[in-house]
């Protein structure tokens, strides 16, 4: 696969390294800051072009990887649709559901694939639970929770666009904990309704939330809790906890750290203790799940199938986030669309 990257900030370097590791060719990049883009091009050995339209039309690009702020998604997708190029975007898929739905519809009509980066789906821990839960090894799922008690410095939010509603779509929930929201949906299923409370700018000088709590009820009848923050010094490893009638599984960071199951049999659980987490450093994350996701997207293009994390998956995660935000604003339970 030959890949073009739009946006050359911090996460794009992780993507570039992952592409190198799996043998994909990073051919071209662009950025609204030419200086940043040219530095990235020199570092990673690709061509710099001055704008995203040119990148999306580039003859040496099989798919476009969008590593920008989430308010810039529809524009490159429209350009890719016109050029017949497949496109993968960083999470979240967008800052609002109307844009997300337009992206999905446009990609479908153009016959291009739309992927959303949710790399934790490709962790060994998540893939194991994706097999074990449907097999009934935890019994009936009663509770599924996510705790993302992270810390970000004042310097992290020093640019006015960080933590802004217009550019980032919100704070800790949409930017940090959306990964865990996606994991819950992937493993446990749809969310029926939510009730949330937040603190806006509790620690940081931002307009959105750096502390948020939500109660969930899943379509299955199971219940759950999401806690997300970037205000809890020094930052703690994120956890997803799933409790069933036959046992409990806990993912800490990217690893399955607890597998307590009654009379368990079958595939051995990959329980580990050493975890990778972005609790206090956004870049302290493993490359392996990115490599697996990018391979999956390339394979999906070649095989004419949908990727493991597509636009609809990105939409569902964003829908939970937006519903929690709306609940916080209105102080009422929000029922999600079935």
Protein backbone atom coordinates (compact mmCIF):
# COMPACT_ATOMS: atom_id res chain seq x y z
CA UNK A 1 0.00 0.00 0.00
CA UNK A 2 1.08 3.56 -0.77
CA UNK A 3 -0.18 6.07 1.77
CA UNK A 4 -0.53 9.85 1.87
CA UNK A 5 -0.80 11.58 5.26
CA UNK A 6 -2.74 14.79 5.87
CA UNK A 7 -1.57 16.49 9.07
CA UNK A 8 1.96 16.05 10.40
CA UNK A 9 1.49 16.52 14.16
CA UNK A 10 2.50 14.12 16.91
CA UNK A 11 0.32 11.12 16.02
CA UNK A 12 1.38 11.17 12.38
CA UNK A 13 4.90 10.14 13.41
CA UNK A 14 3.47 7.05 15.13
CA UNK A 15 1.58 6.26 11.95
CA UNK A 16 4.68 6.77 9.81
CA UNK A 17 6.70 4.39 11.96
CA UNK A 18 3.91 1.80 11.86
CA UNK A 19 3.77 2.03 8.06
CA UNK A 20 7.51 1.52 7.84
CA UNK A 21 7.31 -1.52 10.13
CA UNK A 22 4.68 -3.25 7.98
CA UNK A 23 6.24 -2.38 4.64
CA UNK A 24 3.70 0.20 3.46
CA UNK A 25 5.18 3.12 1.52
CA UNK A 26 4.55 6.60 2.87
CA UNK A 27 4.70 8.53 -0.40
CA UNK A 28 3.37 12.03 0.27
CA UNK A 29 2.29 14.37 3.08
CA UNK A 30 0.76 17.78 3.59
CA UNK A 31 0.11 20.17 6.47
CA UNK A 32 -1.38 23.64 6.91
CA UNK A 33 2.07 24.57 8.25
CA UNK A 34 4.51 24.09 5.35
CA UNK A 35 7.44 24.12 7.76
CA UNK A 36 5.99 21.24 9.78
CA UNK A 37 5.07 19.32 6.65
CA UNK A 38 8.48 19.70 5.08
CA UNK A 39 10.22 18.59 8.28
CA UNK A 40 7.99 15.52 8.38
CA UNK A 41 8.71 14.78 4.71
CA UNK A 42 12.47 15.04 5.27
CA UNK A 43 12.31 12.84 8.37
CA UNK A 44 10.22 10.09 6.81
CA UNK A 45 11.43 10.26 3.22
CA UNK A 46 8.23 11.30 1.47
CA UNK A 47 7.14 14.10 -0.84
CA UNK A 48 5.53 17.26 0.56
CA UNK A 49 2.65 18.83 -1.36
CA UNK A 50 1.09 22.20 -0.50
CA UNK A 51 -2.55 21.18 -0.01
CA UNK A 52 -4.84 18.26 0.74
CA UNK A 53 -6.60 18.41 -2.65
CA UNK A 54 -3.34 17.66 -4.42
CA UNK A 55 -2.55 14.86 -1.99
CA UNK A 56 -5.96 13.22 -2.50
CA UNK A 57 -5.43 13.23 -6.28
CA UNK A 58 -1.84 12.03 -6.10
CA UNK A 59 -1.18 9.10 -8.45
CA UNK A 60 1.13 7.41 -5.93
CA UNK A 61 -1.51 7.20 -3.18
CA UNK A 62 -3.68 4.10 -2.61
CA UNK A 63 -5.29 5.53 0.50
CA UNK A 64 -5.27 8.75 2.49
CA UNK A 65 -4.60 8.85 6.24
CA UNK A 66 -6.06 11.93 7.96
CA UNK A 67 -4.16 12.88 11.14
CA UNK A 68 -5.69 16.32 11.71
CA UNK A 69 -7.95 17.82 14.36
CA UNK A 70 -11.42 16.27 14.14
CA UNK A 71 -13.09 19.36 12.68
CA UNK A 72 -11.26 18.59 9.41
CA UNK A 73 -12.71 15.33 8.12
CA UNK A 74 -15.41 15.99 5.52
CA UNK A 75 -13.20 18.16 3.32
CA UNK A 76 -10.54 15.50 2.59
CA UNK A 77 -13.22 12.80 2.37
CA UNK A 78 -15.01 14.75 -0.35
CA UNK A 79 -11.73 15.14 -2.21
CA UNK A 80 -11.03 11.41 -1.85
CA UNK A 81 -14.53 10.58 -3.10
CA UNK A 82 -13.93 12.67 -6.22
CA UNK A 83 -10.54 11.04 -6.79
CA UNK A 84 -11.68 7.49 -5.97
CA UNK A 85 -9.20 7.17 -3.09
CA UNK A 86 -9.90 5.21 0.09
CA UNK A 87 -9.58 7.15 3.35
CA UNK A 88 -8.81 6.47 6.99
CA UNK A 89 -9.33 9.14 9.65
CA UNK A 90 -8.10 9.52 13.20
CA UNK A 91 -10.65 9.21 15.98
CA UNK A 92 -13.13 10.71 16.50
CA UNK A 93 -14.72 10.34 13.08
CA UNK A 94 -15.97 13.95 13.37
CA UNK A 95 -17.11 16.49 15.97
CA UNK A 96 -20.83 16.05 15.22
CA UNK A 97 -23.15 13.31 14.01
CA UNK A 98 -24.44 15.19 10.96
CA UNK A 99 -20.92 15.43 9.53
CA UNK A 100 -20.17 11.82 10.43
CA UNK A 101 -23.30 10.60 8.63
CA UNK A 102 -22.49 12.70 5.55
CA UNK A 103 -19.00 11.19 5.49
CA UNK A 104 -20.39 7.65 5.60
CA UNK A 105 -22.96 8.35 2.89
CA UNK A 106 -20.47 10.11 0.63
CA UNK A 107 -17.94 7.28 0.92
CA UNK A 108 -20.59 4.67 0.18
CA UNK A 109 -21.87 6.51 -2.90
CA UNK A 110 -18.31 6.95 -4.19
CA UNK A 111 -17.45 3.28 -3.63
CA UNK A 112 -14.50 4.07 -1.37
CA UNK A 113 -13.67 2.61 2.03
CA UNK A 114 -13.84 4.81 5.13
CA UNK A 115 -11.86 3.59 8.13
CA UNK A 116 -11.64 5.11 11.62
CA UNK A 117 -8.53 4.57 13.72
CA UNK A 118 -9.58 2.60 16.81
CA UNK A 119 -6.38 0.68 17.28
CA UNK A 120 -7.33 -0.93 20.60
CA UNK A 121 -9.64 -3.27 18.71
CA UNK A 122 -6.41 -4.87 17.57
CA UNK A 123 -4.90 -5.41 21.04
CA UNK A 124 -4.46 -9.08 21.96
CA UNK A 125 -6.59 -8.46 25.05
CA UNK A 126 -9.56 -7.06 23.12
CA UNK A 127 -9.35 -9.69 20.39
CA UNK A 128 -9.34 -12.44 23.02
CA UNK A 129 -12.42 -11.00 24.75
CA UNK A 130 -14.14 -10.56 21.38
CA UNK A 131 -13.93 -14.35 21.05
CA UNK A 132 -14.50 -15.28 24.71
CA UNK A 133 -17.60 -13.17 25.46
CA UNK A 134 -19.77 -14.54 22.62
CA UNK A 135 -18.65 -18.05 23.65
CA UNK A 136 -20.26 -17.40 27.03
CA UNK A 137 -17.12 -17.78 29.10
CA UNK A 138 -18.08 -14.79 31.29
CA UNK A 139 -21.74 -15.84 31.36
CA UNK A 140 -24.37 -13.17 30.91
CA UNK A 141 -22.76 -9.71 30.96
CA UNK A 142 -24.17 -7.66 33.84
CA UNK A 143 -21.83 -4.65 33.97
CA UNK A 144 -19.23 -3.08 31.66
CA UNK A 145 -17.24 -0.02 32.75
CA UNK A 146 -14.43 2.21 31.50
CA UNK A 147 -12.17 4.34 33.71
CA UNK A 148 -9.81 6.81 32.03
CA UNK A 149 -8.29 8.82 34.88
CA UNK A 150 -5.50 10.53 33.02
CA UNK A 151 -3.46 13.69 33.42
CA UNK A 152 -2.48 16.33 30.89
CA UNK A 153 -0.29 19.33 31.66
CA UNK A 154 -1.24 22.97 31.24
CA UNK A 155 1.21 23.03 28.32
CA UNK A 156 -0.84 20.33 26.55
CA UNK A 157 -3.80 22.72 26.50
CA UNK A 158 -1.74 25.86 25.81
CA UNK A 159 -3.16 26.32 22.30
CA UNK A 160 -6.70 27.76 22.37
CA UNK A 161 -7.98 25.09 19.97
CA UNK A 162 -7.15 22.32 22.46
CA UNK A 163 -10.23 21.33 24.42
CA UNK A 164 -12.41 23.57 22.26
CA UNK A 165 -15.88 22.58 21.14
CA UNK A 166 -15.40 23.87 17.58
CA UNK A 167 -12.07 22.21 16.76
CA UNK A 168 -11.81 19.16 19.03
CA UNK A 169 -15.49 18.58 19.73
CA UNK A 170 -14.95 18.58 23.50
CA UNK A 171 -12.42 17.40 26.04
CA UNK A 172 -11.48 14.22 27.87
CA UNK A 173 -14.36 12.08 26.64
CA UNK A 174 -14.18 12.68 22.89
CA UNK A 175 -10.40 12.95 22.66
CA UNK A 176 -9.06 10.50 25.23
CA UNK A 177 -11.81 8.11 26.39
CA UNK A 178 -13.43 7.57 22.98
CA UNK A 179 -11.09 4.59 22.60
CA UNK A 180 -12.65 2.95 25.63
CA UNK A 181 -16.15 3.88 24.44
CA UNK A 182 -15.38 2.02 21.23
CA UNK A 183 -14.02 -0.97 23.17
CA UNK A 184 -17.22 -1.21 25.22
CA UNK A 185 -19.38 -1.07 22.08
CA UNK A 186 -17.15 -3.60 20.31
CA UNK A 187 -17.22 -6.08 23.20
CA UNK A 188 -20.59 -5.58 24.89
CA UNK A 189 -22.83 -4.12 22.18
CA UNK A 190 -25.01 -1.08 21.67
CA UNK A 191 -25.84 1.51 24.33
CA UNK A 192 -29.53 2.22 24.89
CA UNK A 193 -29.37 5.29 27.12
CA UNK A 194 -26.96 7.46 29.12
CA UNK A 195 -26.98 9.94 31.97
CA UNK A 196 -23.97 12.19 32.48
CA UNK A 197 -22.42 14.83 34.72
CA UNK A 198 -19.33 16.85 33.94
CA UNK A 199 -16.97 19.53 35.22
CA UNK A 200 -15.96 22.08 32.61
CA UNK A 201 -12.39 23.30 32.99
CA UNK A 202 -12.05 21.81 36.48
CA UNK A 203 -8.26 22.02 36.31
CA UNK A 204 -7.35 23.30 32.87
CA UNK A 205 -8.19 26.57 31.16
CA UNK A 206 -10.46 24.95 28.58
CA UNK A 207 -14.13 25.45 27.68
CA UNK A 208 -14.96 21.74 27.62
CA UNK A 209 -14.85 18.94 30.18
CA UNK A 210 -11.72 17.66 31.86
CA UNK A 211 -13.85 15.55 34.26
CA UNK A 212 -16.94 13.61 33.15
CA UNK A 213 -18.98 10.71 34.52
CA UNK A 214 -21.75 8.78 32.82
CA UNK A 215 -24.13 5.94 33.64
CA UNK A 216 -24.91 3.59 30.76
CA UNK A 217 -27.59 1.05 29.98
CA UNK A 218 -26.75 -1.30 27.14
CA UNK A 219 -29.23 -2.73 24.68
CA UNK A 220 -28.70 -6.12 26.33
CA UNK A 221 -29.89 -4.76 29.68
CA UNK A 222 -26.39 -4.65 31.19
CA UNK A 223 -25.37 -1.45 32.98
CA UNK A 224 -22.12 0.47 33.06
CA UNK A 225 -20.07 3.49 34.07
CA UNK A 226 -17.69 5.69 32.12
CA UNK A 227 -15.32 8.00 33.98
CA UNK A 228 -12.97 10.17 31.95
CA UNK A 229 -10.57 12.90 32.98
CA UNK A 230 -7.34 14.65 32.05
CA UNK A 231 -7.15 16.36 35.45
CA UNK A 232 -6.07 13.55 37.80
CA UNK A 233 -2.38 13.90 38.57
CA UNK A 234 -0.17 11.99 37.92
CA UNK A 235 -2.42 9.96 35.59
CA UNK A 236 -3.43 6.35 36.03
CA UNK A 237 -3.62 3.42 33.66
CA UNK A 238 -7.01 3.26 31.95
CA UNK A 239 -9.20 0.23 32.61
CA UNK A 240 -12.12 -1.55 31.02
CA UNK A 241 -13.89 -3.89 33.44
CA UNK A 242 -16.47 -6.45 32.32
CA UNK A 243 -18.47 -8.42 34.89
CA UNK A 244 -20.60 -11.42 33.98
CA UNK A 245 -22.50 -14.11 35.86
CA UNK A 246 -19.53 -16.48 35.52
CA UNK A 247 -16.58 -14.14 35.96
CA UNK A 248 -14.74 -10.87 35.46
CA UNK A 249 -12.25 -9.57 32.90
CA UNK A 250 -10.20 -6.39 33.28
CA UNK A 251 -8.14 -4.71 30.58
CA UNK A 252 -5.55 -2.30 31.98
CA UNK A 253 -3.91 -0.16 29.33
CA UNK A 254 -3.59 -2.54 26.40
CA UNK A 255 -3.32 -5.81 28.36
CA UNK A 256 -5.72 -8.29 29.93
CA UNK A 257 -4.63 -8.06 33.57
CA UNK A 258 -7.53 -9.94 35.23
CA UNK A 259 -9.36 -13.07 34.11
CA UNK A 260 -11.25 -14.50 37.06
CA UNK A 261 -13.72 -17.01 35.62
CA UNK A 262 -15.62 -19.83 37.29
CA UNK A 263 -14.78 -23.32 35.96
CA UNK A 264 -13.08 -21.83 32.92
CA UNK A 265 -12.02 -23.94 29.99
CA UNK A 266 -10.93 -23.23 26.45
CA UNK A 267 -8.37 -20.88 24.93
CA UNK A 268 -5.90 -19.73 27.62
CA UNK A 269 -6.39 -16.08 28.56
CA UNK A 270 -3.41 -13.84 27.63
CA UNK A 271 -3.05 -12.37 31.13
CA UNK A 272 -0.10 -9.96 31.44
CA UNK A 273 1.14 -7.35 33.88
CA UNK A 274 3.30 -5.00 31.78
CA UNK A 275 0.99 -2.49 30.11
CA UNK A 276 1.30 0.44 27.70
CA UNK A 277 -0.78 3.51 28.54
CA UNK A 278 -1.05 7.16 27.57
CA UNK A 279 -2.05 8.06 31.15
CA UNK A 280 0.41 10.94 31.47
CA UNK A 281 2.22 10.87 28.09
CA UNK A 282 0.05 10.83 24.93
CA UNK A 283 2.83 9.14 22.96
CA UNK A 284 3.52 6.30 25.43
CA UNK A 285 1.46 3.89 23.37
CA UNK A 286 2.32 0.69 21.53
CA UNK A 287 2.83 0.61 17.77
CA UNK A 288 1.64 -3.00 17.35
CA UNK A 289 -2.13 -2.30 17.27
CA UNK A 290 -1.61 0.52 14.75
CA UNK A 291 0.35 -1.88 12.55
CA UNK A 292 -2.46 -4.44 12.77
CA UNK A 293 -5.15 -1.88 11.98
CA UNK A 294 -3.26 -0.49 8.99
CA UNK A 295 -2.72 -4.01 7.65
CA UNK A 296 -6.43 -4.70 8.09
CA UNK A 297 -7.33 -1.54 6.17
CA UNK A 298 -4.94 -2.42 3.35
CA UNK A 299 -6.28 -5.98 3.24
CA UNK A 300 -9.85 -4.63 3.17
CA UNK A 301 -8.97 -2.52 0.12
CA UNK A 302 -7.40 -5.48 -1.67
CA UNK A 303 -10.17 -7.92 -0.74
CA UNK A 304 -13.10 -5.57 -1.29
CA UNK A 305 -14.44 -5.98 2.25
CA UNK A 306 -15.18 -3.57 5.08
CA UNK A 307 -12.37 -2.90 7.56
CA UNK A 308 -12.69 -4.01 11.19
CA UNK A 309 -13.22 -0.37 12.22
CA UNK A 310 -15.28 1.48 9.63
CA UNK A 311 -17.33 4.66 9.45
CA UNK A 312 -20.38 3.12 11.11
CA UNK A 313 -18.23 2.02 14.07
CA UNK A 314 -16.85 5.55 14.35
CA UNK A 315 -20.38 6.93 14.19
CA UNK A 316 -21.62 4.69 17.02
CA UNK A 317 -18.76 5.71 19.32
CA UNK A 318 -19.36 9.39 18.55
CA UNK A 319 -23.09 8.94 19.16
CA UNK A 320 -22.42 7.73 22.71
CA UNK A 321 -20.07 10.67 23.33
CA UNK A 322 -22.49 13.26 21.94
CA UNK A 323 -25.36 11.70 23.92
CA UNK A 324 -23.38 11.97 27.15
CA UNK A 325 -22.56 15.60 26.37
CA UNK A 326 -26.23 16.33 25.70
CA UNK A 327 -27.20 14.65 28.96
CA UNK A 328 -24.69 16.80 30.85
CA UNK A 329 -26.08 19.96 29.24
CA UNK A 330 -29.74 19.10 29.87
CA UNK A 331 -29.36 17.17 33.13
CA UNK A 332 -31.55 14.38 31.81
CA UNK A 333 -31.30 10.82 30.53
CA UNK A 334 -30.70 10.59 26.79
CA UNK A 335 -32.01 7.66 24.79
CA UNK A 336 -29.89 6.75 21.78
CA UNK A 337 -31.29 5.96 18.37
CA UNK A 338 -31.73 2.23 17.88
